[in-house]
């Protein structure tokens, strides 16, 4: 079996998109995903914004994502009494979907195009040599290639392999809770986001057309991380944050059938994105809190930029330098902007 040119650590959005973009650029890659059946955060939902959809179109994946998503057409901003403060269209195309649906769409497309995705393979180390790099996994297995892309998320092992002194993710001071409620009991306009500046927290609601559910999220202030809470505890925490607000949020939370929560982290800057054989993509390089709704879209743009750089440059090192030059400033500005937007009170 031929050795792939690129090993990709991480089979989430950044990793699988990078494999697809590389294939489109004529470069072979294989993906090694730590989780047994896909990435983490499968219960959350997200929006792929216009820039992300354009990136997907660049390697022929926009249609696959459109098939499992819904339009995100506009945003209404409301106060804690439920009174509208403003309204604006979302520059399209933009699509809402669950994170799990995005993973499946990209991984199914990768499989259909002959890209191998190996599950249950957690990266632990690398050995560099004159001809490339050998990745070492927790199960004792190894894989060799010309170079390795670390798309292994905010707690990236690759980031530490490049720079043992790399910064740890920064806790943002907030939790994010996602939930799904049957029907559209609040009578929301389909495919419109209702963003609510509550008295104690910030909430978002949408009722995607034909989904049959209302999707909601809550950004809650938290002095310290609260990892390990049960779904019921996350539900109670979100409900308590409604206070005496005159909005439909408390009723939606009470009627939800699925709730998932977690702590929010970001990485304001990563000093070293690459060395001679390893390079970072997606959250491994520039994780943002979700307020700006750009995490997935930035990862998709990384995939296109990295593939183009490797196609257009003779050596990995010059390609990595060009890729970082193209992406660093923009992504760091987006991470900073999202942090400014992320106060749970809006």
C-alpha atoms as a PDB file:
ATOM      1  CA  UNK A   1       0.000   0.000   0.000  1.00  0.00           C
ATOM      2  CA  UNK A   2       1.334   3.431  -0.938  1.00  0.00           C
ATOM      3  CA  UNK A   3       2.376   5.701   1.930  1.00  0.00           C
ATOM      4  CA  UNK A   4       0.249   8.877   1.985  1.00  0.00           C
ATOM      5  CA  UNK A   5       1.999  12.199   1.592  1.00  0.00           C
ATOM      6  CA  UNK A   6       0.161  13.654   4.590  1.00  0.00           C
ATOM      7  CA  UNK A   7      -0.909  12.206   7.940  1.00  0.00           C
ATOM      8  CA  UNK A   8      -3.749  14.110   9.572  1.00  0.00           C
ATOM      9  CA  UNK A   9      -4.251  13.845  13.325  1.00  0.00           C
ATOM     10  CA  UNK A  10      -7.928  14.571  14.015  1.00  0.00           C
ATOM     11  CA  UNK A  11     -11.048  13.640  12.082  1.00  0.00           C
ATOM     12  CA  UNK A  12     -13.284  16.562  13.024  1.00  0.00           C
ATOM     13  CA  UNK A  13     -14.126  19.510  10.814  1.00  0.00           C
ATOM     14  CA  UNK A  14     -10.549  20.742  10.302  1.00  0.00           C
ATOM     15  CA  UNK A  15      -8.981  17.328   9.761  1.00  0.00           C
ATOM     16  CA  UNK A  16     -11.492  15.825   7.367  1.00  0.00           C
ATOM     17  CA  UNK A  17     -11.864  19.081   5.425  1.00  0.00           C
ATOM     18  CA  UNK A  18      -8.084  19.268   5.085  1.00  0.00           C
ATOM     19  CA  UNK A  19      -7.973  15.733   3.677  1.00  0.00           C
ATOM     20  CA  UNK A  20     -10.668  16.637   1.135  1.00  0.00           C
ATOM     21  CA  UNK A  21      -8.945  19.893   0.155  1.00  0.00           C
ATOM     22  CA  UNK A  22      -5.605  18.108  -0.203  1.00  0.00           C
ATOM     23  CA  UNK A  23      -7.149  15.474  -2.457  1.00  0.00           C
ATOM     24  CA  UNK A  24      -8.605  18.245  -4.596  1.00  0.00           C
ATOM     25  CA  UNK A  25      -5.069  19.661  -4.829  1.00  0.00           C
ATOM     26  CA  UNK A  26      -3.681  16.281  -5.902  1.00  0.00           C
ATOM     27  CA  UNK A  27      -2.112  15.390  -2.535  1.00  0.00           C
ATOM     28  CA  UNK A  28      -2.858  12.101  -0.768  1.00  0.00           C
ATOM     29  CA  UNK A  29      -3.720  12.017   2.935  1.00  0.00           C
ATOM     30  CA  UNK A  30      -5.054   9.674   5.595  1.00  0.00           C
ATOM     31  CA  UNK A  31      -6.958  10.766   8.703  1.00  0.00           C
ATOM     32  CA  UNK A  32      -6.400   9.391  12.206  1.00  0.00           C
ATOM     33  CA  UNK A  33      -9.213  10.224  14.641  1.00  0.00           C
ATOM     34  CA  UNK A  34      -8.901   9.622  18.384  1.00  0.00           C
ATOM     35  CA  UNK A  35     -12.608   8.954  18.979  1.00  0.00           C
ATOM     36  CA  UNK A  36     -14.141   5.584  18.045  1.00  0.00           C
ATOM     37  CA  UNK A  37     -16.883   7.065  15.859  1.00  0.00           C
ATOM     38  CA  UNK A  38     -16.162  10.699  15.037  1.00  0.00           C
ATOM     39  CA  UNK A  39     -15.317  13.908  16.839  1.00  0.00           C
ATOM     40  CA  UNK A  40     -16.486  15.294  20.153  1.00  0.00           C
ATOM     41  CA  UNK A  41     -19.292  17.798  20.890  1.00  0.00           C
ATOM     42  CA  UNK A  42     -21.759  15.890  18.767  1.00  0.00           C
ATOM     43  CA  UNK A  43     -24.755  17.279  20.668  1.00  0.00           C
ATOM     44  CA  UNK A  44     -23.945  20.912  19.919  1.00  0.00           C
ATOM     45  CA  UNK A  45     -25.016  22.855  16.870  1.00  0.00           C
ATOM     46  CA  UNK A  46     -23.330  25.558  14.836  1.00  0.00           C
ATOM     47  CA  UNK A  47     -23.603  27.818  11.822  1.00  0.00           C
ATOM     48  CA  UNK A  48     -21.301  27.574   8.855  1.00  0.00           C
ATOM     49  CA  UNK A  49     -21.110  31.179   7.718  1.00  0.00           C
ATOM     50  CA  UNK A  50     -20.674  32.479   4.186  1.00  0.00           C
ATOM     51  CA  UNK A  51     -16.886  32.232   4.263  1.00  0.00           C
ATOM     52  CA  UNK A  52     -17.090  28.619   5.433  1.00  0.00           C
ATOM     53  CA  UNK A  53     -19.590  27.686   2.724  1.00  0.00           C
ATOM     54  CA  UNK A  54     -17.337  29.242   0.091  1.00  0.00           C
ATOM     55  CA  UNK A  55     -14.436  27.180   1.433  1.00  0.00           C
ATOM     56  CA  UNK A  56     -16.546  24.022   1.205  1.00  0.00           C
ATOM     57  CA  UNK A  57     -17.451  24.880  -2.375  1.00  0.00           C
ATOM     58  CA  UNK A  58     -13.744  25.180  -3.140  1.00  0.00           C
ATOM     59  CA  UNK A  59     -13.258  21.424  -2.700  1.00  0.00           C
ATOM     60  CA  UNK A  60     -16.696  20.280  -3.789  1.00  0.00           C
ATOM     61  CA  UNK A  61     -18.275  19.721  -0.370  1.00  0.00           C
ATOM     62  CA  UNK A  62     -20.899  22.478  -0.179  1.00  0.00           C
ATOM     63  CA  UNK A  63     -23.663  20.268  -1.528  1.00  0.00           C
ATOM     64  CA  UNK A  64     -23.026  17.532   1.023  1.00  0.00           C
ATOM     65  CA  UNK A  65     -23.312  20.045   3.870  1.00  0.00           C
ATOM     66  CA  UNK A  66     -26.374  21.764   2.399  1.00  0.00           C
ATOM     67  CA  UNK A  67     -28.120  18.375   2.321  1.00  0.00           C
ATOM     68  CA  UNK A  68     -27.914  17.998   6.130  1.00  0.00           C
ATOM     69  CA  UNK A  69     -28.416  21.615   7.166  1.00  0.00           C
ATOM     70  CA  UNK A  70     -30.876  24.509   7.123  1.00  0.00           C
ATOM     71  CA  UNK A  71     -30.560  28.103   5.936  1.00  0.00           C
ATOM     72  CA  UNK A  72     -29.611  30.758   8.485  1.00  0.00           C
ATOM     73  CA  UNK A  73     -31.301  33.785   6.977  1.00  0.00           C
ATOM     74  CA  UNK A  74     -31.528  36.518   9.615  1.00  0.00           C
ATOM     75  CA  UNK A  75     -30.988  37.555  13.223  1.00  0.00           C
ATOM     76  CA  UNK A  76     -33.339  39.369  15.584  1.00  0.00           C
ATOM     77  CA  UNK A  77     -31.984  40.844  18.820  1.00  0.00           C
ATOM     78  CA  UNK A  78     -34.327  40.993  21.815  1.00  0.00           C
ATOM     79  CA  UNK A  79     -34.041  42.218  25.390  1.00  0.00           C
ATOM     80  CA  UNK A  80     -34.950  40.397  28.605  1.00  0.00           C
ATOM     81  CA  UNK A  81     -38.600  41.431  28.183  1.00  0.00           C
ATOM     82  CA  UNK A  82     -38.776  39.859  24.746  1.00  0.00           C
ATOM     83  CA  UNK A  83     -38.942  43.224  22.962  1.00  0.00           C
ATOM     84  CA  UNK A  84     -37.126  43.478  19.655  1.00  0.00           C
ATOM     85  CA  UNK A  85     -34.054  45.712  19.625  1.00  0.00           C
ATOM     86  CA  UNK A  86     -32.974  45.107  16.061  1.00  0.00           C
ATOM     87  CA  UNK A  87     -33.046  42.829  13.032  1.00  0.00           C
ATOM     88  CA  UNK A  88     -30.625  42.106  10.219  1.00  0.00           C
ATOM     89  CA  UNK A  89     -30.164  39.549   7.432  1.00  0.00           C
ATOM     90  CA  UNK A  90     -27.265  37.087   7.583  1.00  0.00           C
ATOM     91  CA  UNK A  91     -25.047  37.410   4.548  1.00  0.00           C
ATOM     92  CA  UNK A  92     -25.479  34.124   2.771  1.00  0.00           C
ATOM     93  CA  UNK A  93     -25.130  31.390   2.025  1.00  0.00           C
ATOM     94  CA  UNK A  94     -25.032  30.397   5.711  1.00  0.00           C
ATOM     95  CA  UNK A  95     -26.262  27.081   7.119  1.00  0.00           C
ATOM     96  CA  UNK A  96     -27.243  25.768  10.564  1.00  0.00           C
ATOM     97  CA  UNK A  97     -26.620  22.136  11.487  1.00  0.00           C
ATOM     98  CA  UNK A  98     -25.587  19.915  14.349  1.00  0.00           C
ATOM     99  CA  UNK A  99     -21.887  19.359  14.794  1.00  0.00           C
ATOM    100  CA  UNK A 100     -22.490  15.610  14.434  1.00  0.00           C
ATOM    101  CA  UNK A 101     -24.183  16.153  11.068  1.00  0.00           C
ATOM    102  CA  UNK A 102     -21.231  18.183   9.837  1.00  0.00           C
ATOM    103  CA  UNK A 103     -18.803  15.454  10.937  1.00  0.00           C
ATOM    104  CA  UNK A 104     -20.847  12.765   9.192  1.00  0.00           C
ATOM    105  CA  UNK A 105     -21.222  14.749   5.973  1.00  0.00           C
ATOM    106  CA  UNK A 106     -17.492  15.394   5.670  1.00  0.00           C
ATOM    107  CA  UNK A 107     -16.428  11.893   6.706  1.00  0.00           C
ATOM    108  CA  UNK A 108     -18.948  10.248   4.364  1.00  0.00           C
ATOM    109  CA  UNK A 109     -17.675  12.410   1.533  1.00  0.00           C
ATOM    110  CA  UNK A 110     -14.091  11.503   2.395  1.00  0.00           C
ATOM    111  CA  UNK A 111     -14.955   7.803   2.302  1.00  0.00           C
ATOM    112  CA  UNK A 112     -16.763   8.213  -1.024  1.00  0.00           C
ATOM    113  CA  UNK A 113     -13.631   9.829  -2.481  1.00  0.00           C
ATOM    114  CA  UNK A 114     -11.342   7.085  -1.250  1.00  0.00           C
ATOM    115  CA  UNK A 115      -9.793   8.875   1.730  1.00  0.00           C
ATOM    116  CA  UNK A 116      -9.093   6.512   4.613  1.00  0.00           C
ATOM    117  CA  UNK A 117     -10.319   7.653   8.053  1.00  0.00           C
ATOM    118  CA  UNK A 118      -8.986   5.547  10.939  1.00  0.00           C
ATOM    119  CA  UNK A 119     -10.937   5.761  14.209  1.00  0.00           C
ATOM    120  CA  UNK A 120      -9.697   5.096  17.719  1.00  0.00           C
ATOM    121  CA  UNK A 121      -6.180   6.317  16.883  1.00  0.00           C
ATOM    122  CA  UNK A 122      -5.034   8.964  19.393  1.00  0.00           C
ATOM    123  CA  UNK A 123      -1.745  10.670  18.569  1.00  0.00           C
ATOM    124  CA  UNK A 124       0.881  10.420  21.318  1.00  0.00           C
ATOM    125  CA  UNK A 125       4.169  11.283  19.604  1.00  0.00           C
ATOM    126  CA  UNK A 126       6.129  11.640  16.393  1.00  0.00           C
ATOM    127  CA  UNK A 127       9.516  10.629  15.077  1.00  0.00           C
ATOM    128  CA  UNK A 128      11.028  12.993  12.516  1.00  0.00           C
ATOM    129  CA  UNK A 129      13.440  11.821   9.856  1.00  0.00           C
ATOM    130  CA  UNK A 130      15.012  13.057   6.625  1.00  0.00           C
ATOM    131  CA  UNK A 131      12.256  11.459   4.571  1.00  0.00           C
ATOM    132  CA  UNK A 132       9.287  12.589   6.637  1.00  0.00           C
ATOM    133  CA  UNK A 133       7.549  11.791   9.899  1.00  0.00           C
ATOM    134  CA  UNK A 134       6.189   8.744  11.709  1.00  0.00           C
ATOM    135  CA  UNK A 135       3.173   9.253  13.951  1.00  0.00           C
ATOM    136  CA  UNK A 136       2.801   7.145  17.089  1.00  0.00           C
ATOM    137  CA  UNK A 137      -0.622   6.315  18.528  1.00  0.00           C
ATOM    138  CA  UNK A 138      -1.916   5.295  21.943  1.00  0.00           C
ATOM    139  CA  UNK A 139      -2.821   1.812  20.690  1.00  0.00           C
ATOM    140  CA  UNK A 140       0.807   1.153  19.760  1.00  0.00           C
ATOM    141  CA  UNK A 141       0.274   1.666  16.061  1.00  0.00           C
ATOM    142  CA  UNK A 142       2.304   3.889  13.740  1.00  0.00           C
ATOM    143  CA  UNK A 143       1.818   5.680  10.445  1.00  0.00           C
ATOM    144  CA  UNK A 144       4.354   7.349   8.177  1.00  0.00           C
ATOM    145  CA  UNK A 145       4.109  10.225   5.727  1.00  0.00           C
ATOM    146  CA  UNK A 146       5.937  13.200   4.351  1.00  0.00           C
ATOM    147  CA  UNK A 147       4.384  15.523   6.931  1.00  0.00           C
ATOM    148  CA  UNK A 148       1.714  15.664   9.643  1.00  0.00           C
ATOM    149  CA  UNK A 149      -1.199  18.083  10.044  1.00  0.00           C
ATOM    150  CA  UNK A 150      -2.340  18.541  13.628  1.00  0.00           C
ATOM    151  CA  UNK A 151      -6.097  19.081  13.428  1.00  0.00           C
ATOM    152  CA  UNK A 152      -6.541  17.568  16.869  1.00  0.00           C
ATOM    153  CA  UNK A 153      -8.552  20.304  18.522  1.00  0.00           C
ATOM    154  CA  UNK A 154      -8.164  22.806  21.310  1.00  0.00           C
ATOM    155  CA  UNK A 155      -6.250  20.352  23.525  1.00  0.00           C
ATOM    156  CA  UNK A 156      -3.953  19.466  20.620  1.00  0.00           C
ATOM    157  CA  UNK A 157      -1.126  17.031  21.220  1.00  0.00           C
ATOM    158  CA  UNK A 158       0.480  18.250  17.999  1.00  0.00           C
ATOM    159  CA  UNK A 159       0.709  21.791  19.354  1.00  0.00           C
ATOM    160  CA  UNK A 160       2.830  20.464  22.233  1.00  0.00           C
ATOM    161  CA  UNK A 161       4.987  18.395  19.909  1.00  0.00           C
ATOM    162  CA  UNK A 162       5.779  21.515  17.897  1.00  0.00           C
ATOM    163  CA  UNK A 163       6.324  23.662  20.995  1.00  0.00           C
ATOM    164  CA  UNK A 164       6.446  22.109  24.494  1.00  0.00           C
ATOM    165  CA  UNK A 165       5.916  25.619  25.886  1.00  0.00           C
ATOM    166  CA  UNK A 166       2.767  26.318  23.863  1.00  0.00           C
ATOM    167  CA  UNK A 167       0.026  28.114  25.815  1.00  0.00           C
ATOM    168  CA  UNK A 168      -2.781  26.169  27.447  1.00  0.00           C
ATOM    169  CA  UNK A 169      -6.364  26.924  26.381  1.00  0.00           C
ATOM    170  CA  UNK A 170      -7.836  29.871  28.308  1.00  0.00           C
ATOM    171  CA  UNK A 171     -11.090  29.412  30.204  1.00  0.00           C
ATOM    172  CA  UNK A 172     -13.445  32.141  28.992  1.00  0.00           C
ATOM    173  CA  UNK A 173     -15.441  32.538  32.204  1.00  0.00           C
ATOM    174  CA  UNK A 174     -18.562  31.032  30.704  1.00  0.00           C
ATOM    175  CA  UNK A 175     -20.421  27.808  30.054  1.00  0.00           C
ATOM    176  CA  UNK A 176     -22.378  27.066  26.876  1.00  0.00           C
ATOM    177  CA  UNK A 177     -25.494  24.882  26.997  1.00  0.00           C
ATOM    178  CA  UNK A 178     -27.311  23.566  23.914  1.00  0.00           C
ATOM    179  CA  UNK A 179     -30.772  22.030  23.782  1.00  0.00           C
ATOM    180  CA  UNK A 180     -33.557  20.848  21.487  1.00  0.00           C
ATOM    181  CA  UNK A 181     -37.290  21.213  22.166  1.00  0.00           C
ATOM    182  CA  UNK A 182     -39.997  19.462  20.119  1.00  0.00           C
ATOM    183  CA  UNK A 183     -42.015  21.689  17.811  1.00  0.00           C
ATOM    184  CA  UNK A 184     -41.995  25.464  17.639  1.00  0.00           C
ATOM    185  CA  UNK A 185     -43.924  26.451  20.782  1.00  0.00           C
ATOM    186  CA  UNK A 186     -42.547  30.008  20.735  1.00  0.00           C
ATOM    187  CA  UNK A 187     -43.771  30.611  17.178  1.00  0.00           C
ATOM    188  CA  UNK A 188     -40.344  31.556  15.864  1.00  0.00           C
ATOM    189  CA  UNK A 189     -39.884  32.587  12.249  1.00  0.00           C
ATOM    190  CA  UNK A 190     -38.245  29.583  10.546  1.00  0.00           C
ATOM    191  CA  UNK A 191     -34.517  29.873   9.811  1.00  0.00           C
ATOM    192  CA  UNK A 192     -34.183  33.071  11.864  1.00  0.00           C
ATOM    193  CA  UNK A 193     -32.026  33.362  14.968  1.00  0.00           C
ATOM    194  CA  UNK A 194     -33.553  35.126  17.962  1.00  0.00           C
ATOM    195  CA  UNK A 195     -30.698  36.404  20.145  1.00  0.00           C
ATOM    196  CA  UNK A 196     -31.816  37.439  23.612  1.00  0.00           C
ATOM    197  CA  UNK A 197     -29.903  39.661  26.008  1.00  0.00           C
ATOM    198  CA  UNK A 198     -31.280  38.198  29.201  1.00  0.00           C
ATOM    199  CA  UNK A 199     -30.898  39.789  32.602  1.00  0.00           C
ATOM    200  CA  UNK A 200     -28.430  37.080  33.682  1.00  0.00           C
ATOM    201  CA  UNK A 201     -27.285  35.357  30.481  1.00  0.00           C
ATOM    202  CA  UNK A 202     -27.360  35.422  26.694  1.00  0.00           C
ATOM    203  CA  UNK A 203     -29.652  33.058  24.805  1.00  0.00           C
ATOM    204  CA  UNK A 204     -30.127  32.086  21.168  1.00  0.00           C
ATOM    205  CA  UNK A 205     -33.159  30.376  19.626  1.00  0.00           C
ATOM    206  CA  UNK A 206     -33.922  29.107  16.140  1.00  0.00           C
ATOM    207  CA  UNK A 207     -36.485  26.812  14.538  1.00  0.00           C
ATOM    208  CA  UNK A 208     -34.933  25.380  11.364  1.00  0.00           C
ATOM    209  CA  UNK A 209     -37.479  24.683   8.663  1.00  0.00           C
ATOM    210  CA  UNK A 210     -38.724  21.071   8.497  1.00  0.00           C
ATOM    211  CA  UNK A 211     -36.616  19.969  11.487  1.00  0.00           C
ATOM    212  CA  UNK A 212     -39.610  19.797  13.825  1.00  0.00           C
ATOM    213  CA  UNK A 213     -37.672  21.190  16.801  1.00  0.00           C
ATOM    214  CA  UNK A 214     -36.583  24.459  18.347  1.00  0.00           C
ATOM    215  CA  UNK A 215     -32.831  24.689  18.857  1.00  0.00           C
ATOM    216  CA  UNK A 216     -31.570  26.836  21.716  1.00  0.00           C
ATOM    217  CA  UNK A 217     -28.323  27.743  23.396  1.00  0.00           C
ATOM    218  CA  UNK A 218     -27.381  29.631  26.545  1.00  0.00           C
ATOM    219  CA  UNK A 219     -24.116  31.387  27.372  1.00  0.00           C
ATOM    220  CA  UNK A 220     -23.796  31.454  31.149  1.00  0.00           C
ATOM    221  CA  UNK A 221     -21.286  33.179  33.382  1.00  0.00           C
ATOM    222  CA  UNK A 222     -19.163  30.840  35.482  1.00  0.00           C
ATOM    223  CA  UNK A 223     -16.264  31.788  37.724  1.00  0.00           C
ATOM    224  CA  UNK A 224     -14.731  28.356  37.256  1.00  0.00           C
ATOM    225  CA  UNK A 225     -15.192  25.409  34.878  1.00  0.00           C
ATOM    226  CA  UNK A 226     -18.130  23.129  35.602  1.00  0.00           C
ATOM    227  CA  UNK A 227     -17.124  20.018  33.653  1.00  0.00           C
ATOM    228  CA  UNK A 228     -18.806  16.801  34.703  1.00  0.00           C
ATOM    229  CA  UNK A 229     -22.365  18.082  35.115  1.00  0.00           C
ATOM    230  CA  UNK A 230     -25.213  15.807  34.018  1.00  0.00           C
ATOM    231  CA  UNK A 231     -27.649  16.886  31.294  1.00  0.00           C
ATOM    232  CA  UNK A 232     -30.242  17.588  34.007  1.00  0.00           C
ATOM    233  CA  UNK A 233     -27.787  19.793  35.878  1.00  0.00           C
ATOM    234  CA  UNK A 234     -26.952  21.727  32.710  1.00  0.00           C
ATOM    235  CA  UNK A 235     -30.685  22.155  32.091  1.00  0.00           C
ATOM    236  CA  UNK A 236     -31.233  23.463  35.617  1.00  0.00           C
ATOM    237  CA  UNK A 237     -28.293  25.846  35.328  1.00  0.00           C
ATOM    238  CA  UNK A 238     -29.657  27.295  32.080  1.00  0.00           C
ATOM    239  CA  UNK A 239     -33.165  27.565  33.484  1.00  0.00           C
ATOM    240  CA  UNK A 240     -31.978  29.354  36.606  1.00  0.00           C
ATOM    241  CA  UNK A 241     -30.181  31.911  34.436  1.00  0.00           C
ATOM    242  CA  UNK A 242     -33.507  32.985  32.933  1.00  0.00           C
ATOM    243  CA  UNK A 243     -34.349  34.804  36.184  1.00  0.00           C
ATOM    244  CA  UNK A 244     -37.652  36.661  35.825  1.00  0.00           C
ATOM    245  CA  UNK A 245     -37.152  37.408  32.137  1.00  0.00           C
ATOM    246  CA  UNK A 246     -40.263  37.773  30.029  1.00  0.00           C
ATOM    247  CA  UNK A 247     -39.081  35.554  27.185  1.00  0.00           C
ATOM    248  CA  UNK A 248     -40.026  32.030  26.032  1.00  0.00           C
ATOM    249  CA  UNK A 249     -36.628  30.640  27.006  1.00  0.00           C
ATOM    250  CA  UNK A 250     -37.534  29.075  30.361  1.00  0.00           C
ATOM    251  CA  UNK A 251     -40.453  27.159  28.815  1.00  0.00           C
ATOM    252  CA  UNK A 252     -38.273  25.953  25.949  1.00  0.00           C
ATOM    253  CA  UNK A 253     -35.626  24.725  28.361  1.00  0.00           C
ATOM    254  CA  UNK A 254     -38.243  22.946  30.464  1.00  0.00           C
ATOM    255  CA  UNK A 255     -39.646  21.195  27.384  1.00  0.00           C
ATOM    256  CA  UNK A 256     -36.339  20.158  25.871  1.00  0.00           C
ATOM    257  CA  UNK A 257     -35.642  16.483  25.221  1.00  0.00           C
ATOM    258  CA  UNK A 258     -31.903  16.834  24.660  1.00  0.00           C
ATOM    259  CA  UNK A 259     -29.475  19.034  26.596  1.00  0.00           C
ATOM    260  CA  UNK A 260     -25.677  19.136  26.402  1.00  0.00           C
ATOM    261  CA  UNK A 261     -23.355  21.596  28.085  1.00  0.00           C
ATOM    262  CA  UNK A 262     -19.710  22.402  28.476  1.00  0.00           C
ATOM    263  CA  UNK A 263     -17.134  24.990  29.426  1.00  0.00           C
ATOM    264  CA  UNK A 264     -15.914  27.484  26.857  1.00  0.00           C
ATOM    265  CA  UNK A 265     -12.199  27.982  26.128  1.00  0.00           C
ATOM    266  CA  UNK A 266     -10.146  29.843  23.571  1.00  0.00           C
ATOM    267  CA  UNK A 267      -6.530  30.274  22.468  1.00  0.00           C
ATOM    268  CA  UNK A 268      -5.760  33.950  21.788  1.00  0.00           C
ATOM    269  CA  UNK A 269      -2.468  33.161  20.061  1.00  0.00           C
ATOM    270  CA  UNK A 270      -0.224  30.202  19.316  1.00  0.00           C
ATOM    271  CA  UNK A 271       3.391  31.322  18.914  1.00  0.00           C
ATOM    272  CA  UNK A 272       4.459  28.417  16.672  1.00  0.00           C
ATOM    273  CA  UNK A 273       2.089  26.985  14.071  1.00  0.00           C
ATOM    274  CA  UNK A 274       4.622  24.612  12.535  1.00  0.00           C
ATOM    275  CA  UNK A 275       8.096  23.134  12.463  1.00  0.00           C
ATOM    276  CA  UNK A 276       9.828  21.346   9.597  1.00  0.00           C
ATOM    277  CA  UNK A 277       7.388  18.418   9.498  1.00  0.00           C
ATOM    278  CA  UNK A 278       4.306  19.364  11.565  1.00  0.00           C
ATOM    279  CA  UNK A 279       1.676  22.071  11.071  1.00  0.00           C
ATOM    280  CA  UNK A 280      -1.536  23.056  12.903  1.00  0.00           C
ATOM    281  CA  UNK A 281      -5.037  23.640  11.542  1.00  0.00           C
ATOM    282  CA  UNK A 282      -8.374  24.617  13.065  1.00  0.00           C
ATOM    283  CA  UNK A 283      -8.808  24.830  16.835  1.00  0.00           C
ATOM    284  CA  UNK A 284      -5.337  23.401  17.382  1.00  0.00           C
ATOM    285  CA  UNK A 285      -3.979  26.724  16.120  1.00  0.00           C
ATOM    286  CA  UNK A 286      -6.674  29.293  16.937  1.00  0.00           C
ATOM    287  CA  UNK A 287      -9.636  28.176  19.034  1.00  0.00           C
ATOM    288  CA  UNK A 288     -12.396  30.770  19.549  1.00  0.00           C
ATOM    289  CA  UNK A 289     -15.366  30.908  21.878  1.00  0.00           C
ATOM    290  CA  UNK A 290     -18.579  30.427  19.865  1.00  0.00           C
ATOM    291  CA  UNK A 291     -19.943  33.981  20.084  1.00  0.00           C
ATOM    292  CA  UNK A 292     -18.809  34.991  16.585  1.00  0.00           C
ATOM    293  CA  UNK A 293     -20.014  31.695  15.033  1.00  0.00           C
ATOM    294  CA  UNK A 294     -16.748  31.343  13.114  1.00  0.00           C
ATOM    295  CA  UNK A 295     -15.018  28.271  14.568  1.00  0.00           C
ATOM    296  CA  UNK A 296     -16.065  25.816  11.863  1.00  0.00           C
ATOM    297  CA  UNK A 297     -15.730  28.359   9.085  1.00  0.00           C
ATOM    298  CA  UNK A 298     -12.168  29.265  10.122  1.00  0.00           C
ATOM    299  CA  UNK A 299     -11.239  25.575  10.126  1.00  0.00           C
ATOM    300  CA  UNK A 300     -12.665  25.136   6.622  1.00  0.00           C
ATOM    301  CA  UNK A 301     -10.728  28.148   5.377  1.00  0.00           C
ATOM    302  CA  UNK A 302      -7.567  26.700   6.939  1.00  0.00           C
ATOM    303  CA  UNK A 303      -8.088  23.514   4.954  1.00  0.00           C
ATOM    304  CA  UNK A 304      -8.265  25.372   1.659  1.00  0.00           C
ATOM    305  CA  UNK A 305      -5.309  27.632   2.464  1.00  0.00           C
ATOM    306  CA  UNK A 306      -3.060  24.790   3.624  1.00  0.00           C
ATOM    307  CA  UNK A 307      -3.868  22.619   0.620  1.00  0.00           C
ATOM    308  CA  UNK A 308      -3.163  25.515  -1.750  1.00  0.00           C
ATOM    309  CA  UNK A 309       0.130  26.280  -0.029  1.00  0.00           C
ATOM    310  CA  UNK A 310       1.320  22.672  -0.230  1.00  0.00           C
ATOM    311  CA  UNK A 311       0.298  22.493  -3.888  1.00  0.00           C
ATOM    312  CA  UNK A 312       2.087  25.719  -4.795  1.00  0.00           C
ATOM    313  CA  UNK A 313       5.367  25.390  -2.848  1.00  0.00           C
ATOM    314  CA  UNK A 314       8.258  22.974  -3.290  1.00  0.00           C
ATOM    315  CA  UNK A 315       8.933  22.189   0.376  1.00  0.00           C
ATOM    316  CA  UNK A 316       6.688  21.720   3.415  1.00  0.00           C
ATOM    317  CA  UNK A 317       8.539  24.444   5.310  1.00  0.00           C
ATOM    318  CA  UNK A 318       7.978  27.124   2.674  1.00  0.00           C
ATOM    319  CA  UNK A 319       4.367  25.964   2.295  1.00  0.00           C
ATOM    320  CA  UNK A 320       3.782  26.144   6.041  1.00  0.00           C
ATOM    321  CA  UNK A 321       5.232  29.653   6.178  1.00  0.00           C
ATOM    322  CA  UNK A 322       2.969  30.819   3.358  1.00  0.00           C
ATOM    323  CA  UNK A 323      -0.068  29.197   4.974  1.00  0.00           C
ATOM    324  CA  UNK A 324       0.609  30.809   8.354  1.00  0.00           C
ATOM    325  CA  UNK A 325       1.201  34.182   6.718  1.00  0.00           C
ATOM    326  CA  UNK A 326      -2.165  33.932   5.005  1.00  0.00           C
ATOM    327  CA  UNK A 327      -4.153  32.773   8.024  1.00  0.00           C
ATOM    328  CA  UNK A 328      -2.596  33.955  11.313  1.00  0.00           C
ATOM    329  CA  UNK A 329      -3.665  37.621  11.437  1.00  0.00           C
ATOM    330  CA  UNK A 330      -7.231  36.980  10.314  1.00  0.00           C
ATOM    331  CA  UNK A 331      -7.836  34.109  12.712  1.00  0.00           C
ATOM    332  CA  UNK A 332      -6.320  35.886  15.712  1.00  0.00           C
ATOM    333  CA  UNK A 333      -8.500  38.927  15.017  1.00  0.00           C
ATOM    334  CA  UNK A 334     -11.575  36.687  14.856  1.00  0.00           C
ATOM    335  CA  UNK A 335     -10.661  34.921  18.111  1.00  0.00           C
ATOM    336  CA  UNK A 336     -10.279  38.304  19.811  1.00  0.00           C
ATOM    337  CA  UNK A 337     -13.555  39.624  18.387  1.00  0.00           C
ATOM    338  CA  UNK A 338     -15.414  36.534  19.541  1.00  0.00           C
ATOM    339  CA  UNK A 339     -13.991  36.942  23.044  1.00  0.00           C
ATOM    340  CA  UNK A 340     -15.290  40.531  23.147  1.00  0.00           C
ATOM    341  CA  UNK A 341     -18.738  39.316  22.126  1.00  0.00           C
ATOM    342  CA  UNK A 342     -18.812  36.467  24.621  1.00  0.00           C
ATOM    343  CA  UNK A 343     -19.952  38.192  27.791  1.00  0.00           C
ATOM    344  CA  UNK A 344     -22.909  36.005  28.879  1.00  0.00           C
ATOM    345  CA  UNK A 345     -25.027  39.124  29.342  1.00  0.00           C
ATOM    346  CA  UNK A 346     -24.474  40.080  25.690  1.00  0.00           C
END
